Amino acid sequence: MTRLAEAWMTAPETVKLMAALGEARFVGGAVRNALLGQPVGDVDIATPLPPAEVCTRLERAGVKWVPTGIEHGTITAVVSGKPFEVTTLRRDVETDGRRAVVAFTADWAEDAKRRDFTVNALYAAADGEVFDFVGGLDDLKAHRVRFVGDAVQRIREDYLRILRLFRFHAWYGRGPLDAAALAAAANEKHGLNQLSGERIAKEMLKLLAAVDPVPVLAAMAGSGILAEMMNGAPGTPRLKGLVAADAALSLEPDAILRLAALLSGAEAPAIAARWKLSNHQRDRLFDLVACEAFPPGLVDADAAKLLYRLGPQRFRDRVRLGLAAAPENAPQGRALLARADAWRRPVFPLTGKDVLKAGVPAGPAVGRVLDEVGAWWIDSGFPSDAHAVHEALHAAIKKVC
């Protein structure tokens, strides 16, 4: 018998919720990651109780709940500020590749058979006993991502599962993808056209955030799926370098940075539009594909100027892109990244009032003087000496007024 003993299972909020429900098991990612010894984020719970009974029991226990997807049996319970998704066991009645009509059931095995991958169809009772109805434990040990039942049927229920296959293999798989799963994904790739940009972006960015997504991207390219997602199959040499540099420096994968490593400036707008990236993601992507990566031998004076002009985040991005072309320069890159982490923005010692006091009339000339002194101040290494700044101010006045 396989049994879990995890701190999150005995946390007060978890215990309170499981006691309120009475009939419930942990399911999905929390169980999978716990068995792999990986961090657990969200904790999802399955129950044979119908949604109305779930709500009644939660109210009786004083637990707040939100009907986030109650038509599909999902309620979000909030205990001491921590959310839990509680879903009634179900079976699919009808699917169209995006949405499903479901019927509720009390059969745990039936619920397991409608899930996407065997490694996501594992349940654990409150006491830690693990239940496996579809061979998920063996697949987990083999680091194999396999569809539950017939792969084509699972994909036709929701075409997003094609992308989830690659994403889950990038995170949890080893070696080649499951042959039946890959063949089904390739044959059904036409269904990807049904997916919204937001759903595509969510899966693709999670895939790019895997420790090393390059082998999976190669499999996607070989099956024709990457071209469907990215308007063509981009080359991966720069991404390979970025992955190597991330590993050498123990850096957290950055999905937008990695996407930029795959794209040119001409390609980025189409991807941003199709994936419906957020404004922040889009603007950062455009900045990255247009920027010039920093050489690892950047001297201190130039690094200081660039940090001031760009800010630490944009500076770090350019350092990492520079390492993508030459990951062997990781030690120099480490020093530049450390500098960015420790950097504190110097305060420009002049204001418009200082310029007015020096005799410059109010108007556009004030700004021109400040710009002139600012350029001198940055190029001079941000001096704080009052006399030097005073001399630079008067030199600027003579030049621009």
Protein backbone atom coordinates (compact mmCIF):
# COMPACT_ATOMS: atom_id res chain seq x y z
CA MET A 1 0.00 0.00 0.00
CA THR A 2 1.28 3.45 -0.91
CA ARG A 3 0.70 6.10 1.73
CA LEU A 4 1.50 9.82 1.96
CA ALA A 5 2.41 11.79 5.05
CA GLU A 6 2.70 15.45 4.09
CA ALA A 7 2.63 18.58 6.20
CA TRP A 8 -0.07 20.19 4.04
CA MET A 9 -2.34 17.21 4.71
CA THR A 10 -2.29 17.84 8.46
CA ALA A 11 -2.38 21.64 8.31
CA PRO A 12 -5.29 23.00 10.44
CA GLU A 13 -7.18 24.43 7.46
CA THR A 14 -6.90 21.13 5.54
CA VAL A 15 -8.03 19.07 8.52
CA LYS A 16 -11.00 21.38 9.10
CA LEU A 17 -12.14 21.13 5.50
CA MET A 18 -11.76 17.35 5.24
CA ALA A 19 -13.65 16.93 8.51
CA ALA A 20 -16.46 19.17 7.24
CA LEU A 21 -16.83 17.14 4.05
CA GLY A 22 -16.51 13.74 5.66
CA GLU A 23 -16.33 11.89 2.35
CA ALA A 24 -13.42 13.31 0.37
CA ARG A 25 -9.95 12.60 -1.03
CA PHE A 26 -7.09 14.71 -2.28
CA VAL A 27 -6.64 14.42 -6.03
CA GLY A 28 -4.46 15.43 -8.95
CA GLY A 29 -1.39 17.62 -8.79
CA ALA A 30 -1.01 17.69 -5.03
CA VAL A 31 -0.93 13.88 -4.84
CA ARG A 32 1.29 13.57 -7.92
CA ASN A 33 3.86 16.10 -6.71
CA ALA A 34 3.90 14.73 -3.17
CA LEU A 35 4.69 11.25 -4.52
CA LEU A 36 7.49 12.75 -6.63
CA GLY A 37 8.88 14.71 -3.68
CA GLN A 38 8.20 18.00 -5.47
CA PRO A 39 6.61 21.16 -4.02
CA VAL A 40 2.84 21.18 -3.75
CA GLY A 41 0.92 24.33 -4.68
CA ASP A 42 -2.85 24.14 -4.96
CA VAL A 43 -4.63 21.34 -3.12
CA ASP A 44 -7.66 19.96 -4.96
CA ILE A 45 -10.24 17.72 -3.35
CA ALA A 46 -12.73 15.26 -4.85
CA THR A 47 -15.89 14.06 -3.17
CA PRO A 48 -18.87 11.85 -4.03
CA LEU A 49 -21.14 14.40 -2.34
CA PRO A 50 -23.36 16.37 -4.75
CA PRO A 51 -22.60 20.12 -4.93
CA ALA A 52 -25.63 21.13 -2.86
CA GLU A 53 -24.58 18.79 -0.05
CA VAL A 54 -21.01 20.13 -0.21
CA CYS A 55 -22.32 23.67 0.25
CA THR A 56 -24.55 22.62 3.15
CA ARG A 57 -21.71 20.89 4.97
CA LEU A 58 -19.34 23.80 4.46
CA GLU A 59 -21.88 26.29 5.79
CA ARG A 60 -22.54 24.06 8.77
CA ALA A 61 -18.81 24.04 9.53
CA GLY A 62 -18.50 27.81 9.09
CA VAL A 63 -16.39 27.50 5.94
CA LYS A 64 -16.76 30.15 3.25
CA TRP A 65 -17.29 28.95 -0.29
CA VAL A 66 -17.55 30.39 -3.81
CA PRO A 67 -19.48 28.70 -6.67
CA THR A 68 -16.56 28.99 -9.12
CA GLY A 69 -17.78 26.18 -11.40
CA ILE A 70 -20.77 24.76 -9.65
CA GLU A 71 -22.45 23.67 -12.90
CA HIS A 72 -19.50 21.29 -13.32
CA GLY A 73 -19.48 20.40 -9.64
CA THR A 74 -16.63 22.68 -8.52
CA ILE A 75 -16.78 24.89 -5.44
CA THR A 76 -13.89 26.87 -3.99
CA ALA A 77 -13.76 26.52 -0.22
CA VAL A 78 -11.75 29.14 1.67
CA VAL A 79 -10.40 28.15 5.09
CA SER A 80 -8.31 30.69 7.01
CA GLY A 81 -7.61 32.47 3.74
CA LYS A 82 -6.45 29.34 1.91
CA PRO A 83 -8.51 28.27 -1.14
CA PHE A 84 -9.29 24.66 -1.99
CA GLU A 85 -11.12 23.48 -5.11
CA VAL A 86 -13.71 20.88 -4.11
CA THR A 87 -15.24 18.96 -7.03
CA THR A 88 -17.95 16.33 -7.06
CA LEU A 89 -17.02 13.06 -8.78
CA ARG A 90 -18.30 13.14 -12.34
CA ARG A 91 -18.42 11.55 -15.75
CA ASP A 92 -18.57 13.21 -19.14
CA VAL A 93 -21.92 12.97 -20.92
CA GLU A 94 -21.05 15.09 -23.95
CA THR A 95 -17.93 16.98 -25.14
CA ASP A 96 -17.11 19.20 -28.11
CA GLY A 97 -13.36 19.58 -27.77
CA ARG A 98 -13.60 22.60 -25.48
CA ARG A 99 -16.47 22.15 -23.02
CA ALA A 100 -18.11 19.14 -21.43
CA VAL A 101 -21.58 18.31 -20.18
CA VAL A 102 -21.10 16.25 -17.03
CA ALA A 103 -23.16 14.03 -14.77
CA PHE A 104 -22.30 13.51 -11.13
CA THR A 105 -21.41 10.10 -9.77
CA ALA A 106 -20.35 8.42 -6.54
CA ASP A 107 -17.96 6.04 -8.32
CA TRP A 108 -14.29 6.93 -7.78
CA ALA A 109 -13.11 4.70 -10.62
CA GLU A 110 -15.54 6.33 -13.05
CA ASP A 111 -14.22 9.76 -12.07
CA ALA A 112 -10.64 8.58 -12.60
CA LYS A 113 -11.41 7.28 -16.08
CA ARG A 114 -12.52 10.73 -17.32
CA ARG A 115 -9.28 12.46 -16.28
CA ASP A 116 -6.53 13.34 -18.76
CA PHE A 117 -3.36 11.53 -17.64
CA THR A 118 -2.87 8.59 -15.34
CA VAL A 119 -0.42 10.56 -13.16
CA ASN A 120 -3.20 13.12 -12.56
CA ALA A 121 -5.78 10.48 -11.62
CA LEU A 122 -4.32 9.55 -8.24
CA TYR A 123 -6.31 10.08 -5.04
CA ALA A 124 -5.25 10.16 -1.40
CA ALA A 125 -7.45 9.82 1.64
CA ALA A 126 -7.12 12.09 4.66
CA ASP A 127 -5.04 9.38 6.36
CA GLY A 128 -2.62 9.32 3.39
CA GLU A 129 -3.70 6.08 1.67
CA VAL A 130 -3.24 6.43 -2.09
CA PHE A 131 -5.82 5.09 -4.54
CA ASP A 132 -4.90 4.29 -8.14
CA PHE A 133 -7.55 3.09 -10.60
CA VAL A 134 -5.71 3.58 -13.91
CA GLY A 135 -2.02 2.66 -13.40
CA GLY A 136 -0.84 6.12 -12.43
CA LEU A 137 1.62 4.90 -9.79
CA ASP A 138 3.56 2.77 -12.26
CA ASP A 139 3.61 5.60 -14.80
CA LEU A 140 4.80 8.02 -12.14
CA LYS A 141 7.68 5.70 -11.20
CA ALA A 142 8.60 5.37 -14.89
CA HIS A 143 8.26 9.14 -15.44
CA ARG A 144 5.80 8.35 -18.21
CA VAL A 145 2.95 10.70 -19.17
CA ARG A 146 0.15 8.55 -20.56
CA PHE A 147 -3.47 9.31 -21.36
CA VAL A 148 -6.15 7.56 -19.36
CA GLY A 149 -7.76 5.02 -21.67
CA ASP A 150 -7.92 5.85 -25.38
CA ALA A 151 -5.66 8.79 -26.23
CA VAL A 152 -7.73 10.00 -29.19
CA GLN A 153 -10.91 10.00 -27.14
CA ARG A 154 -9.25 11.93 -24.31
CA ILE A 155 -7.95 14.53 -26.77
CA ARG A 156 -11.29 14.95 -28.55
CA GLU A 157 -12.89 15.70 -25.19
CA ASP A 158 -10.63 18.76 -24.88
CA TYR A 159 -8.01 19.63 -27.50
CA LEU A 160 -6.02 21.54 -24.91
CA ARG A 161 -4.87 18.11 -23.75
CA ILE A 162 -2.52 18.03 -26.75
CA LEU A 163 -0.55 20.92 -25.26
CA ARG A 164 -0.90 19.51 -21.75
CA LEU A 165 0.72 16.29 -22.96
CA PHE A 166 3.87 18.16 -23.92
CA ARG A 167 3.81 20.43 -20.90
CA PHE A 168 3.44 17.55 -18.43
CA HIS A 169 6.14 15.55 -20.16
CA ALA A 170 8.49 18.54 -19.97
CA TRP A 171 7.85 18.79 -16.23
CA TYR A 172 7.49 15.17 -15.17
CA GLY A 173 8.51 12.87 -18.02
CA ARG A 174 11.82 11.30 -19.00
CA GLY A 175 12.99 9.98 -22.33
CA PRO A 176 10.73 9.85 -25.40
CA LEU A 177 7.06 10.74 -25.14
CA ASP A 178 4.56 7.91 -24.89
CA ALA A 179 4.22 6.67 -28.48
CA ALA A 180 0.43 6.31 -28.45
CA ALA A 181 -0.01 9.74 -26.91
CA LEU A 182 2.32 11.42 -29.41
CA ALA A 183 0.68 9.74 -32.40
CA ALA A 184 -2.79 10.75 -31.22
CA ALA A 185 -1.67 14.33 -30.62
CA ALA A 186 -0.16 14.60 -34.10
CA ASN A 187 -3.27 13.15 -35.76
CA GLU A 188 -5.63 15.43 -33.85
CA LYS A 189 -3.65 18.68 -34.07
CA HIS A 190 -6.30 20.27 -36.29
CA GLY A 191 -8.40 20.62 -33.14
CA LEU A 192 -5.95 23.14 -31.71
CA ASN A 193 -7.64 25.78 -33.89
CA GLN A 194 -10.61 25.62 -31.51
CA LEU A 195 -8.57 26.83 -28.55
CA SER A 196 -8.58 30.41 -27.31
CA GLY A 197 -5.35 32.35 -27.27
CA GLU A 198 -5.45 32.59 -23.49
CA ARG A 199 -5.57 28.81 -23.07
CA ILE A 200 -2.74 28.34 -25.56
CA ALA A 201 -0.58 30.93 -23.81
CA LYS A 202 -1.17 29.41 -20.37
CA GLU A 203 0.03 25.97 -21.47
CA MET A 204 2.88 27.13 -23.68
CA LEU A 205 4.30 29.48 -21.06
CA LYS A 206 4.12 26.73 -18.43
CA LEU A 207 5.94 24.42 -20.85
CA LEU A 208 8.67 27.02 -21.41
CA ALA A 209 9.06 27.33 -17.64
CA ALA A 210 10.12 23.67 -17.34
CA VAL A 211 13.75 23.06 -16.40
CA ASP A 212 14.58 22.05 -19.98
CA PRO A 213 11.76 22.37 -22.51
CA VAL A 214 14.00 21.95 -25.58
CA PRO A 215 13.53 18.17 -26.12
CA VAL A 216 9.77 18.52 -25.85
CA LEU A 217 9.74 21.46 -28.26
CA ALA A 218 11.70 19.27 -30.68
CA ALA A 219 9.01 16.59 -30.39
CA MET A 220 6.34 19.22 -30.96
CA ALA A 221 8.19 20.42 -34.06
CA GLY A 222 8.56 16.88 -35.39
CA SER A 223 4.84 16.25 -35.06
CA GLY A 224 3.86 19.53 -36.72
CA ILE A 225 2.27 20.87 -33.54
CA LEU A 226 4.82 23.58 -32.79
CA ALA A 227 4.23 25.13 -36.21
CA GLU A 228 0.51 25.26 -35.36
CA MET A 229 1.23 27.14 -32.16
CA MET A 230 3.97 29.51 -33.35
CA ASN A 231 3.23 30.17 -37.02
CA GLY A 232 6.17 27.98 -37.95
CA ALA A 233 8.71 25.95 -35.99
CA PRO A 234 11.41 28.27 -34.62
CA GLY A 235 15.00 27.18 -34.17
CA THR A 236 16.13 26.45 -30.62
CA PRO A 237 19.91 27.13 -30.46
CA ARG A 238 19.52 30.33 -28.46
CA LEU A 239 16.98 28.71 -26.15
CA LYS A 240 19.40 25.82 -25.57
CA GLY A 241 22.04 28.34 -24.52
CA LEU A 242 19.62 30.10 -22.19
CA VAL A 243 18.61 26.79 -20.58
CA ALA A 244 22.29 25.91 -20.09
CA ALA A 245 23.02 29.31 -18.53
CA ASP A 246 19.99 29.01 -16.24
CA ALA A 247 21.27 25.64 -15.04
CA ALA A 248 24.83 26.92 -14.53
CA LEU A 249 23.62 29.86 -12.45
CA SER A 250 20.72 28.06 -10.70
CA LEU A 251 18.27 30.63 -12.08
CA GLU A 252 14.52 30.16 -12.11
CA PRO A 253 13.23 29.58 -15.66
CA ASP A 254 11.59 32.68 -17.11
CA ALA A 255 8.94 31.80 -19.69
CA ILE A 256 8.75 35.19 -21.44
CA LEU A 257 12.54 35.42 -21.62
CA ARG A 258 12.64 31.94 -23.13
CA LEU A 259 9.91 32.82 -25.60
CA ALA A 260 11.98 35.83 -26.68
CA ALA A 261 14.94 33.50 -27.23
CA LEU A 262 12.82 31.60 -29.75
CA LEU A 263 11.53 34.59 -31.70
CA SER A 264 12.70 37.42 -33.89
CA GLY A 265 11.35 40.95 -33.71
CA ALA A 266 9.27 40.26 -36.80
CA GLU A 267 7.68 37.12 -35.32
CA ALA A 268 6.82 38.43 -31.85
CA PRO A 269 3.76 40.59 -32.71
CA ALA A 270 1.89 37.69 -34.33
CA ILE A 271 2.56 35.41 -31.35
CA ALA A 272 1.57 38.09 -28.83
CA ALA A 273 -1.68 38.67 -30.70
CA ARG A 274 -2.55 35.01 -31.21
CA TRP A 275 -1.72 34.03 -27.64
CA LYS A 276 -3.48 37.15 -26.33
CA LEU A 277 -0.61 37.92 -23.99
CA SER A 278 -1.28 40.44 -21.23
CA ASN A 279 -0.11 43.99 -21.84
CA HIS A 280 2.80 43.45 -19.46
CA GLN A 281 3.84 40.19 -21.12
CA ARG A 282 3.51 41.68 -24.61
CA ASP A 283 5.50 44.82 -23.79
CA ARG A 284 8.27 42.82 -22.12
CA LEU A 285 8.43 40.39 -25.05
CA PHE A 286 8.68 43.24 -27.57
CA ASP A 287 11.42 44.87 -25.50
CA LEU A 288 13.37 41.61 -25.34
CA VAL A 289 13.23 40.74 -29.02
CA ALA A 290 14.30 44.28 -29.94
CA CYS A 291 17.10 44.65 -27.41
CA GLU A 292 20.80 44.07 -27.82
CA ALA A 293 22.09 41.46 -25.37
CA PHE A 294 24.95 42.52 -23.12
CA PRO A 295 28.40 41.05 -23.58
CA PRO A 296 29.67 39.27 -20.45
CA GLY A 297 32.77 41.52 -20.35
CA LEU A 298 30.73 44.64 -19.63
CA VAL A 299 32.91 47.05 -17.62
CA ASP A 300 31.69 48.46 -14.32
CA ALA A 301 31.21 52.00 -15.56
CA ASP A 302 29.08 50.88 -18.51
CA ALA A 303 27.10 48.50 -16.29
CA ALA A 304 26.28 51.33 -13.90
CA LYS A 305 25.03 53.54 -16.72
CA LEU A 306 22.89 50.78 -18.17
CA LEU A 307 21.43 49.92 -14.79
CA TYR A 308 20.40 53.55 -14.35
CA ARG A 309 18.84 53.80 -17.81
CA LEU A 310 17.16 50.39 -17.89
CA GLY A 311 16.46 49.45 -14.29
CA PRO A 312 17.50 46.14 -12.71
CA GLN A 313 14.90 43.87 -14.37
CA ARG A 314 15.60 44.95 -17.96
CA PHE A 315 19.34 44.86 -17.20
CA ARG A 316 19.09 41.28 -15.92
CA ASP A 317 17.08 40.26 -18.99
CA ARG A 318 19.81 41.51 -21.31
CA VAL A 319 22.54 39.79 -19.32
CA ARG A 320 20.67 36.48 -19.52
CA LEU A 321 20.08 36.85 -23.25
CA GLY A 322 23.79 37.54 -23.65
CA LEU A 323 24.55 34.28 -21.86
CA ALA A 324 22.17 32.46 -24.21
CA ALA A 325 24.70 33.04 -26.98
CA ALA A 326 27.66 32.06 -24.78
CA PRO A 327 26.60 30.05 -21.68
CA GLU A 328 30.26 29.31 -20.96
CA ASN A 329 30.50 32.93 -19.76
CA ALA A 330 28.22 32.16 -16.81
CA PRO A 331 30.77 33.34 -14.16
CA GLN A 332 30.91 36.83 -15.69
CA GLY A 333 27.15 36.81 -16.03
CA ARG A 334 26.80 35.87 -12.38
CA ALA A 335 28.80 38.96 -11.39
CA LEU A 336 26.60 41.24 -13.53
CA LEU A 337 23.41 39.73 -12.14
CA ALA A 338 24.71 40.14 -8.58
CA ARG A 339 25.43 43.77 -9.35
CA ALA A 340 21.87 44.26 -10.55
CA ASP A 341 20.50 42.61 -7.39
CA ALA A 342 22.54 44.95 -5.16
CA TRP A 343 21.99 48.11 -7.21
CA ARG A 344 20.30 51.13 -5.68
CA ARG A 345 19.24 53.88 -8.02
CA PRO A 346 21.29 57.08 -7.40
CA VAL A 347 19.30 60.29 -6.94
CA PHE A 348 19.87 63.02 -9.51
CA PRO A 349 21.08 66.03 -7.48
CA LEU A 350 19.20 68.77 -9.37
CA THR A 351 15.56 69.77 -9.77
CA GLY A 352 13.79 72.32 -11.89
CA LYS A 353 13.85 74.72 -8.94
CA ASP A 354 17.66 74.64 -8.94
CA VAL A 355 17.71 75.57 -12.61
CA LEU A 356 15.28 78.44 -12.04
CA LYS A 357 17.40 79.73 -9.15
CA ALA A 358 20.40 79.72 -11.48
CA GLY A 359 18.62 82.28 -13.66
CA VAL A 360 16.97 80.18 -16.35
CA PRO A 361 13.45 81.46 -17.12
CA ALA A 362 10.53 79.11 -16.71
CA GLY A 363 9.77 77.16 -19.88
CA PRO A 364 11.28 74.53 -22.16
CA ALA A 365 14.82 75.71 -21.44
CA VAL A 366 14.58 74.29 -17.91
CA GLY A 367 14.07 70.80 -19.27
CA ARG A 368 16.89 71.15 -21.79
CA VAL A 369 19.29 72.22 -19.04
CA LEU A 370 18.26 69.30 -16.83
CA ASP A 371 18.74 66.89 -19.74
CA GLU A 372 22.21 68.28 -20.46
CA VAL A 373 23.33 68.06 -16.84
CA GLY A 374 21.73 64.63 -16.52
CA ALA A 375 23.72 63.28 -19.47
CA TRP A 376 26.93 64.65 -17.94
CA TRP A 377 26.04 63.21 -14.52
CA ILE A 378 25.42 59.72 -15.88
CA ASP A 379 28.55 59.72 -18.06
CA SER A 380 30.61 60.93 -15.10
CA GLY A 381 29.51 58.06 -12.87
CA PHE A 382 26.80 59.85 -10.82
CA PRO A 383 28.99 62.30 -8.85
CA SER A 384 27.53 63.77 -5.67
CA ASP A 385 30.14 66.56 -5.32
CA ALA A 386 28.13 69.80 -5.07
CA HIS A 387 30.82 71.94 -6.68
CA ALA A 388 31.14 69.66 -9.71
CA VAL A 389 27.36 69.61 -10.16
CA HIS A 390 27.24 73.41 -9.85
CA GLU A 391 29.91 73.78 -12.54
CA ALA A 392 28.07 71.34 -14.82
CA LEU A 393 24.83 73.31 -14.34
CA HIS A 394 26.37 76.58 -15.42
CA ALA A 395 28.14 74.93 -18.35
CA ALA A 396 24.80 73.51 -19.46
CA ILE A 397 23.11 76.91 -19.18
CA LYS A 398 25.74 78.46 -21.42
CA LYS A 399 25.35 75.64 -23.95
CA VAL A 400 21.56 75.47 -24.31
CA CYS A 401 20.30 78.94 -23.37
